[in-house]
């Protein structure tokens, strides 16, 4: 490789690892990765905008002889991933941080060879669609793959408002509801703002333009790892996300999606599956009876993003989406569905049944707890915003 290329990679890495000092707050995955045995490589996957690059650069500062580069850099386009890392190892680097690894053809085979030669340790990031279990059984024994979900309400407040809110367990929230509500009352009004600009960590100025660009890259580039993408597929993906955004959680079933989009039910199921793999949709399965269709929710803040296109989002859908976006990452979660006309609570989280609703939500469904707007407690009512502090 040309010395100029290597010098440019080193200079860019130094500049970026200095730049990242502007971001002292760290996502929860930072400490988890530091605890992983150095015998393993580590992969970080997640949708665009959740902080993977910043996390990689923060980690790079923690290890000696580290270098960072992005696999989609034009500097290394003529070279394989193996060639680049081999040259960096020759220069003396021992910890190599590779961003957007899925953008480099043949990355799985190159990574296996690099691991087998044991000259460097690699920590890399990629889209939500990468899966080392399906790409290579050899890699699955060598790499620990971690998911970086969108920033939780707690993390968003800590990063954007310079707070220091601790992580709470579900058990703490349910057993200490009154005390925690009194302690954190001032953050309750902010959950609605979180539903508009939370989850992803783009600057407030130009936020929606950045999110729109990110969505298009996820659909056109990241999903190409799953299947061939064309203009029609892109259009159908956006139409599906828009349809879910304006629907109540259980209105967007496969049959209605197929009818609304003018596609087959088989294609509707496949499209939902693809967008779930890409991290844009959450599918919540029914408790027990897997024959029933899943409830479909969007990743925060996509529902509010699509609302800008000319409809009013239902507040009940936002409440459920906030709840699902947080609980799905930390506990077994399913929805309860009774017979036709039968009223049932919304969700089962582990062994606990929880209904999600507004301030006036009653208990006629007889849940164990009711997650509600506001800061009123008592009678097993838990302010909804507290569930945003679980990761």
Protein backbone atom coordinates (compact mmCIF):
# COMPACT_ATOMS: atom_id res chain seq x y z
CA UNK A 1 0.00 0.00 0.00
CA UNK A 2 1.08 3.55 -0.71
CA UNK A 3 2.66 5.28 2.29
CA UNK A 4 0.47 8.30 1.61
CA UNK A 5 -2.65 6.18 2.17
CA UNK A 6 -1.34 4.85 5.46
CA UNK A 7 -0.28 8.30 6.63
CA UNK A 8 -3.73 9.67 5.79
CA UNK A 9 -5.44 6.87 7.73
CA UNK A 10 -3.28 7.56 10.79
CA UNK A 11 -3.82 11.32 10.60
CA UNK A 12 -7.60 10.93 10.26
CA UNK A 13 -7.68 8.52 13.20
CA UNK A 14 -5.75 10.96 15.40
CA UNK A 15 -8.02 13.83 14.44
CA UNK A 16 -11.21 11.88 15.15
CA UNK A 17 -10.03 10.42 18.46
CA UNK A 18 -9.31 13.99 19.56
CA UNK A 19 -12.64 15.24 18.20
CA UNK A 20 -14.57 12.66 20.24
CA UNK A 21 -13.46 14.37 23.46
CA UNK A 22 -16.33 16.76 22.75
CA UNK A 23 -18.67 13.94 23.82
CA UNK A 24 -17.90 13.00 27.43
CA UNK A 25 -21.15 11.04 27.91
CA UNK A 26 -21.05 7.36 26.99
CA UNK A 27 -23.70 4.91 25.87
CA UNK A 28 -24.36 1.97 28.20
CA UNK A 29 -22.54 -0.45 25.87
CA UNK A 30 -19.18 1.24 26.51
CA UNK A 31 -18.63 -0.46 29.87
CA UNK A 32 -20.00 -3.80 28.65
CA UNK A 33 -17.46 -3.93 25.82
CA UNK A 34 -14.55 -3.04 28.09
CA UNK A 35 -15.41 -6.11 30.19
CA UNK A 36 -15.20 -8.53 27.24
CA UNK A 37 -12.11 -10.75 27.23
CA UNK A 38 -9.56 -9.45 24.73
CA UNK A 39 -9.36 -12.88 23.14
CA UNK A 40 -12.62 -12.05 21.36
CA UNK A 41 -13.25 -9.60 18.58
CA UNK A 42 -16.32 -7.40 19.15
CA UNK A 43 -18.99 -6.33 16.67
CA UNK A 44 -21.37 -3.43 17.35
CA UNK A 45 -24.49 -3.32 15.23
CA UNK A 46 -27.35 -0.84 15.19
CA UNK A 47 -29.30 1.61 13.06
CA UNK A 48 -27.73 4.82 11.84
CA UNK A 49 -27.62 7.72 14.27
CA UNK A 50 -27.53 5.82 17.57
CA UNK A 51 -23.89 6.67 18.32
CA UNK A 52 -21.87 3.72 16.99
CA UNK A 53 -19.07 5.89 15.58
CA UNK A 54 -18.73 7.97 18.75
CA UNK A 55 -18.72 4.77 20.83
CA UNK A 56 -15.97 3.28 18.64
CA UNK A 57 -13.82 6.38 18.97
CA UNK A 58 -14.35 6.52 22.74
CA UNK A 59 -13.27 2.87 22.98
CA UNK A 60 -10.24 3.54 20.77
CA UNK A 61 -8.99 6.00 23.38
CA UNK A 62 -9.09 3.27 26.04
CA UNK A 63 -6.64 0.92 24.32
CA UNK A 64 -2.96 1.34 23.52
CA UNK A 65 -1.72 1.28 19.91
CA UNK A 66 -5.20 1.87 18.57
CA UNK A 67 -6.29 3.12 15.17
CA UNK A 68 -9.73 3.88 13.76
CA UNK A 69 -10.90 3.93 10.15
CA UNK A 70 -14.14 3.58 8.22
CA UNK A 71 -14.45 0.68 5.80
CA UNK A 72 -16.22 2.90 3.25
CA UNK A 73 -13.30 5.34 3.04
CA UNK A 74 -12.31 6.12 -0.55
CA UNK A 75 -8.66 5.89 0.52
CA UNK A 76 -8.88 2.12 0.93
CA UNK A 77 -11.30 1.35 -1.91
CA UNK A 78 -8.63 -0.43 -4.03
CA UNK A 79 -7.56 -2.66 -1.12
CA UNK A 80 -9.12 -5.54 0.78
CA UNK A 81 -9.83 -5.27 4.48
CA UNK A 82 -7.11 -7.87 5.07
CA UNK A 83 -4.51 -5.81 3.19
CA UNK A 84 -5.32 -2.66 5.16
CA UNK A 85 -5.21 -4.33 8.57
CA UNK A 86 -2.04 -6.23 7.68
CA UNK A 87 -0.25 -2.98 6.87
CA UNK A 88 -1.49 -1.34 10.07
CA UNK A 89 -0.22 -4.33 12.07
CA UNK A 90 3.16 -3.99 10.35
CA UNK A 91 3.26 -0.36 11.52
CA UNK A 92 2.76 -1.49 15.13
CA UNK A 93 -0.97 -1.01 15.75
CA UNK A 94 -2.52 -3.74 17.91
CA UNK A 95 -6.14 -2.58 18.32
CA UNK A 96 -7.97 -1.81 15.10
CA UNK A 97 -11.41 -0.15 15.13
CA UNK A 98 -13.29 -0.53 11.85
CA UNK A 99 -16.48 1.47 11.29
CA UNK A 100 -19.18 0.47 8.75
CA UNK A 101 -17.49 -2.88 8.12
CA UNK A 102 -20.44 -4.17 6.10
CA UNK A 103 -19.58 -1.64 3.39
CA UNK A 104 -16.43 -3.61 2.46
CA UNK A 105 -17.00 -6.63 0.20
CA UNK A 106 -15.66 -9.89 1.61
CA UNK A 107 -15.36 -8.54 5.14
CA UNK A 108 -16.39 -11.84 6.78
CA UNK A 109 -13.62 -13.90 5.15
CA UNK A 110 -11.02 -11.18 5.73
CA UNK A 111 -11.98 -10.86 9.38
CA UNK A 112 -11.63 -14.62 9.92
CA UNK A 113 -8.13 -14.58 8.39
CA UNK A 114 -7.11 -11.56 10.46
CA UNK A 115 -8.30 -13.30 13.62
CA UNK A 116 -6.43 -16.51 12.79
CA UNK A 117 -3.14 -14.62 12.39
CA UNK A 118 -3.49 -13.07 15.90
CA UNK A 119 -1.55 -9.91 15.11
CA UNK A 120 -4.28 -7.45 16.10
CA UNK A 121 -7.61 -7.29 17.88
CA UNK A 122 -10.51 -5.87 15.90
CA UNK A 123 -13.59 -4.05 17.18
CA UNK A 124 -15.99 -3.14 14.40
CA UNK A 125 -19.39 -1.63 13.75
CA UNK A 126 -22.03 -2.40 11.15
CA UNK A 127 -25.70 -2.03 10.31
CA UNK A 128 -28.46 -3.81 12.22
CA UNK A 129 -28.72 -6.31 9.37
CA UNK A 130 -25.29 -7.91 9.86
CA UNK A 131 -25.39 -11.32 11.49
CA UNK A 132 -22.21 -13.31 12.07
CA UNK A 133 -24.24 -16.42 12.89
CA UNK A 134 -25.58 -16.60 9.35
CA UNK A 135 -22.58 -15.13 7.54
CA UNK A 136 -19.99 -17.49 9.00
CA UNK A 137 -20.08 -20.19 11.65
CA UNK A 138 -16.33 -19.65 12.08
CA UNK A 139 -16.87 -15.99 12.95
CA UNK A 140 -19.55 -16.80 15.52
CA UNK A 141 -16.91 -18.54 17.65
CA UNK A 142 -14.51 -15.61 17.40
CA UNK A 143 -16.72 -12.53 17.57
CA UNK A 144 -19.11 -11.29 20.25
CA UNK A 145 -21.83 -9.29 18.53
CA UNK A 146 -23.50 -6.54 20.56
CA UNK A 147 -26.62 -4.55 19.66
CA UNK A 148 -26.61 -0.79 20.25
CA UNK A 149 -30.31 0.16 20.31
CA UNK A 150 -31.57 3.73 19.97
CA UNK A 151 -30.77 5.87 23.00
CA UNK A 152 -33.23 5.37 25.82
CA UNK A 153 -35.07 8.27 27.45
CA UNK A 154 -32.50 8.14 30.26
CA UNK A 155 -29.50 8.17 27.93
CA UNK A 156 -31.03 10.87 25.73
CA UNK A 157 -31.49 13.15 28.75
CA UNK A 158 -27.98 12.42 30.01
CA UNK A 159 -26.42 13.17 26.60
CA UNK A 160 -28.59 16.05 25.39
CA UNK A 161 -29.28 17.77 28.74
CA UNK A 162 -26.09 16.83 30.61
CA UNK A 163 -27.97 14.92 33.31
CA UNK A 164 -26.70 11.96 35.32
CA UNK A 165 -29.75 9.76 35.66
CA UNK A 166 -28.95 6.23 36.90
CA UNK A 167 -30.24 3.08 35.28
CA UNK A 168 -33.23 1.51 37.06
CA UNK A 169 -34.48 -2.07 37.02
CA UNK A 170 -38.12 -2.94 36.38
CA UNK A 171 -38.27 -4.32 39.93
CA UNK A 172 -37.11 -0.97 41.35
CA UNK A 173 -39.64 0.97 39.27
CA UNK A 174 -42.55 -1.22 40.39
CA UNK A 175 -41.55 -1.43 44.05
CA UNK A 176 -40.40 2.19 44.56
CA UNK A 177 -42.87 4.00 42.32
CA UNK A 178 -43.79 6.81 44.73
CA UNK A 179 -40.22 7.65 45.77
CA UNK A 180 -38.88 7.55 42.20
CA UNK A 181 -41.74 9.68 40.90
CA UNK A 182 -41.05 12.36 43.51
CA UNK A 183 -37.34 12.19 42.70
CA UNK A 184 -37.73 12.58 38.93
CA UNK A 185 -40.97 14.57 38.51
CA UNK A 186 -39.23 17.34 36.55
CA UNK A 187 -38.31 15.04 33.64
CA UNK A 188 -41.85 13.73 33.05
CA UNK A 189 -42.88 16.49 30.59
CA UNK A 190 -39.80 15.73 28.46
CA UNK A 191 -40.95 12.29 27.30
CA UNK A 192 -43.09 13.89 24.58
CA UNK A 193 -40.07 15.76 23.26
CA UNK A 194 -38.16 12.48 23.35
CA UNK A 195 -40.80 10.91 21.10
CA UNK A 196 -40.10 13.68 18.55
CA UNK A 197 -36.28 13.88 18.66
CA UNK A 198 -35.16 11.01 20.86
CA UNK A 199 -33.62 7.65 20.09
CA UNK A 200 -31.19 8.89 17.46
CA UNK A 201 -28.60 11.49 18.41
CA UNK A 202 -28.58 13.96 15.55
CA UNK A 203 -28.20 17.70 16.33
CA UNK A 204 -31.47 19.56 16.78
CA UNK A 205 -30.69 21.82 13.84
CA UNK A 206 -31.40 19.83 10.68
CA UNK A 207 -32.63 16.86 12.71
CA UNK A 208 -35.40 15.72 10.37
CA UNK A 209 -33.27 16.15 7.24
CA UNK A 210 -30.59 13.97 8.83
CA UNK A 211 -33.19 11.38 9.84
CA UNK A 212 -34.68 11.32 6.34
CA UNK A 213 -31.23 10.78 4.82
CA UNK A 214 -30.51 8.04 7.35
CA UNK A 215 -33.75 6.21 6.55
CA UNK A 216 -32.97 6.21 2.85
CA UNK A 217 -29.48 4.82 3.47
CA UNK A 218 -30.87 2.07 5.71
CA UNK A 219 -33.35 1.00 3.03
CA UNK A 220 -31.10 1.41 -0.02
CA UNK A 221 -27.76 0.31 1.45
CA UNK A 222 -28.19 -1.68 4.66
CA UNK A 223 -31.10 -3.80 3.43
CA UNK A 224 -29.12 -4.73 0.33
CA UNK A 225 -27.37 -7.26 2.58
CA UNK A 226 -30.68 -9.11 2.79
CA UNK A 227 -31.94 -8.86 -0.80
CA UNK A 228 -31.70 -6.86 -4.01
CA UNK A 229 -33.14 -3.38 -3.58
CA UNK A 230 -34.77 -1.40 -6.39
CA UNK A 231 -36.75 1.85 -6.57
CA UNK A 232 -40.08 0.02 -6.17
CA UNK A 233 -38.86 -1.76 -3.03
CA UNK A 234 -37.70 1.57 -1.56
CA UNK A 235 -41.09 3.13 -2.25
CA UNK A 236 -42.96 0.22 -0.67
CA UNK A 237 -40.71 0.35 2.41
CA UNK A 238 -41.49 4.03 2.95
CA UNK A 239 -45.20 3.46 2.33
CA UNK A 240 -45.20 0.67 4.91
CA UNK A 241 -43.51 2.81 7.56
CA UNK A 242 -45.95 5.64 6.84
CA UNK A 243 -48.94 3.27 7.10
CA UNK A 244 -47.80 1.93 10.49
CA UNK A 245 -47.14 5.48 11.73
CA UNK A 246 -50.72 6.61 11.08
CA UNK A 247 -52.34 3.39 12.35
CA UNK A 248 -53.18 2.15 15.80
CA UNK A 249 -50.81 -0.65 16.91
CA UNK A 250 -53.13 -3.55 16.03
CA UNK A 251 -54.65 -2.02 12.89
CA UNK A 252 -51.50 -2.60 10.84
CA UNK A 253 -51.78 -6.36 10.33
CA UNK A 254 -50.36 -8.21 7.33
CA UNK A 255 -53.65 -8.41 5.43
CA UNK A 256 -54.35 -4.68 5.79
CA UNK A 257 -50.76 -3.80 4.90
CA UNK A 258 -51.01 -5.91 1.74
CA UNK A 259 -54.31 -4.28 0.76
CA UNK A 260 -53.10 -0.75 1.53
CA UNK A 261 -49.82 -1.17 -0.39
CA UNK A 262 -51.39 -3.18 -3.21
CA UNK A 263 -48.99 -6.10 -2.72
CA UNK A 264 -49.31 -9.77 -1.82
CA UNK A 265 -49.53 -10.81 1.82
CA UNK A 266 -46.30 -12.79 1.33
CA UNK A 267 -44.50 -9.62 0.22
CA UNK A 268 -46.00 -7.68 3.15
CA UNK A 269 -44.67 -10.26 5.63
CA UNK A 270 -41.23 -10.18 3.98
CA UNK A 271 -41.10 -6.38 3.98
CA UNK A 272 -42.03 -6.22 7.68
CA UNK A 273 -39.37 -8.84 8.41
CA UNK A 274 -36.71 -6.88 6.49
CA UNK A 275 -37.51 -3.59 8.24
CA UNK A 276 -37.50 -5.40 11.59
CA UNK A 277 -34.01 -6.76 10.81
CA UNK A 278 -32.95 -3.22 9.88
CA UNK A 279 -34.09 -1.96 13.30
CA UNK A 280 -36.93 0.26 12.06
CA UNK A 281 -39.87 -1.89 13.23
CA UNK A 282 -40.52 -3.79 16.48
CA UNK A 283 -42.73 -6.86 16.22
CA UNK A 284 -44.40 -7.82 19.51
CA UNK A 285 -45.71 -11.38 19.41
CA UNK A 286 -48.84 -12.54 21.22
CA UNK A 287 -48.49 -14.32 24.55
CA UNK A 288 -48.93 -18.04 24.06
CA UNK A 289 -50.85 -18.25 20.78
CA UNK A 290 -48.25 -17.69 18.06
CA UNK A 291 -50.92 -18.07 15.35
CA UNK A 292 -52.11 -14.52 16.01
CA UNK A 293 -50.34 -11.75 14.13
CA UNK A 294 -47.78 -9.49 15.85
CA UNK A 295 -48.38 -5.92 16.91
CA UNK A 296 -46.18 -3.56 14.93
CA UNK A 297 -44.42 -0.54 16.40
CA UNK A 298 -41.86 1.87 14.96
CA UNK A 299 -38.49 2.74 16.43
CA UNK A 300 -38.52 6.13 18.16
CA UNK A 301 -38.87 8.78 16.67
CA UNK A 302 -40.18 7.48 13.32
CA UNK A 303 -43.89 7.84 14.14
CA UNK A 304 -43.47 11.55 14.82
CA UNK A 305 -41.21 11.87 11.75
CA UNK A 306 -43.94 10.56 9.44
CA UNK A 307 -46.57 12.69 11.18
CA UNK A 308 -44.99 15.67 9.43
CA UNK A 309 -46.41 14.30 6.18
CA UNK A 310 -49.98 15.25 7.07
CA UNK A 311 -51.78 13.35 9.86
CA UNK A 312 -52.10 13.46 13.65
CA UNK A 313 -50.48 10.61 15.58
CA UNK A 314 -52.72 9.00 18.17
CA UNK A 315 -51.38 9.62 21.68
CA UNK A 316 -52.24 6.07 22.73
CA UNK A 317 -49.94 4.71 20.03
CA UNK A 318 -47.12 6.98 21.24
CA UNK A 319 -47.53 5.74 24.82
CA UNK A 320 -47.37 2.11 23.78
CA UNK A 321 -44.44 2.80 21.46
CA UNK A 322 -42.47 4.49 24.25
CA UNK A 323 -43.12 1.50 26.51
CA UNK A 324 -42.24 -1.10 23.84
CA UNK A 325 -39.07 0.70 22.68
CA UNK A 326 -37.66 0.45 26.20
CA UNK A 327 -38.91 -2.86 27.55
CA UNK A 328 -38.18 -4.92 24.44
CA UNK A 329 -34.44 -4.56 25.04
CA UNK A 330 -34.37 -5.80 28.63
CA UNK A 331 -37.15 -8.32 29.28
CA UNK A 332 -39.36 -10.93 27.58
CA UNK A 333 -42.30 -8.93 26.20
CA UNK A 334 -45.53 -10.10 24.58
CA UNK A 335 -49.02 -8.69 24.10
CA UNK A 336 -52.24 -10.10 25.51
CA UNK A 337 -55.12 -10.79 23.15
CA UNK A 338 -58.48 -12.19 24.26
CA UNK A 339 -61.43 -13.49 22.34
CA UNK A 340 -63.38 -11.13 20.09
CA UNK A 341 -64.94 -8.34 22.19
CA UNK A 342 -63.01 -9.33 25.33
CA UNK A 343 -61.08 -6.55 27.07
CA UNK A 344 -57.56 -7.57 28.08
CA UNK A 345 -54.50 -5.67 29.39
CA UNK A 346 -51.83 -4.65 26.89
CA UNK A 347 -48.57 -6.42 27.75
CA UNK A 348 -46.91 -9.12 29.77
CA UNK A 349 -43.35 -8.27 30.81
CA UNK A 350 -41.76 -11.37 32.27
CA UNK A 351 -44.42 -12.46 34.77
CA UNK A 352 -45.96 -9.01 35.21
CA UNK A 353 -49.08 -7.80 33.35
CA UNK A 354 -49.09 -4.08 32.51
CA UNK A 355 -51.74 -1.87 30.90
CA UNK A 356 -50.55 1.33 29.17
CA UNK A 357 -52.85 4.36 29.03
CA UNK A 358 -53.65 7.99 29.82
CA UNK A 359 -54.21 9.69 33.17
CA UNK A 360 -57.82 8.51 33.38
CA UNK A 361 -57.04 4.87 32.54
CA UNK A 362 -59.19 2.53 34.59
CA UNK A 363 -58.37 -0.96 35.84
CA UNK A 364 -61.27 -2.87 34.34
CA UNK A 365 -58.78 -5.13 32.52
CA UNK A 366 -57.31 -6.03 35.94
CA UNK A 367 -53.60 -5.70 35.16
CA UNK A 368 -50.93 -5.99 37.84
CA UNK A 369 -49.87 -2.41 37.10
CA UNK A 370 -51.06 0.48 34.93
CA UNK A 371 -48.47 2.67 33.18
CA UNK A 372 -50.01 6.14 32.84
CA UNK A 373 -49.29 9.74 31.87
CA UNK A 374 -48.41 12.25 34.53
CA UNK A 375 -46.99 11.80 38.02
CA UNK A 376 -50.00 10.46 39.97
CA UNK A 377 -49.24 7.21 41.78
CA UNK A 378 -51.13 4.85 44.06
CA UNK A 379 -53.41 1.89 43.32
CA UNK A 380 -50.56 0.25 41.33
CA UNK A 381 -50.39 3.19 38.92
CA UNK A 382 -46.85 3.74 37.58
CA UNK A 383 -45.95 6.95 35.69
CA UNK A 384 -45.08 5.91 32.16
CA UNK A 385 -41.92 8.03 31.95
CA UNK A 386 -40.21 5.91 34.63
CA UNK A 387 -39.98 3.01 32.19
CA UNK A 388 -37.70 5.21 30.10
CA UNK A 389 -34.98 4.81 32.75
CA UNK A 390 -34.49 1.04 32.40
CA UNK A 391 -31.41 1.06 30.12
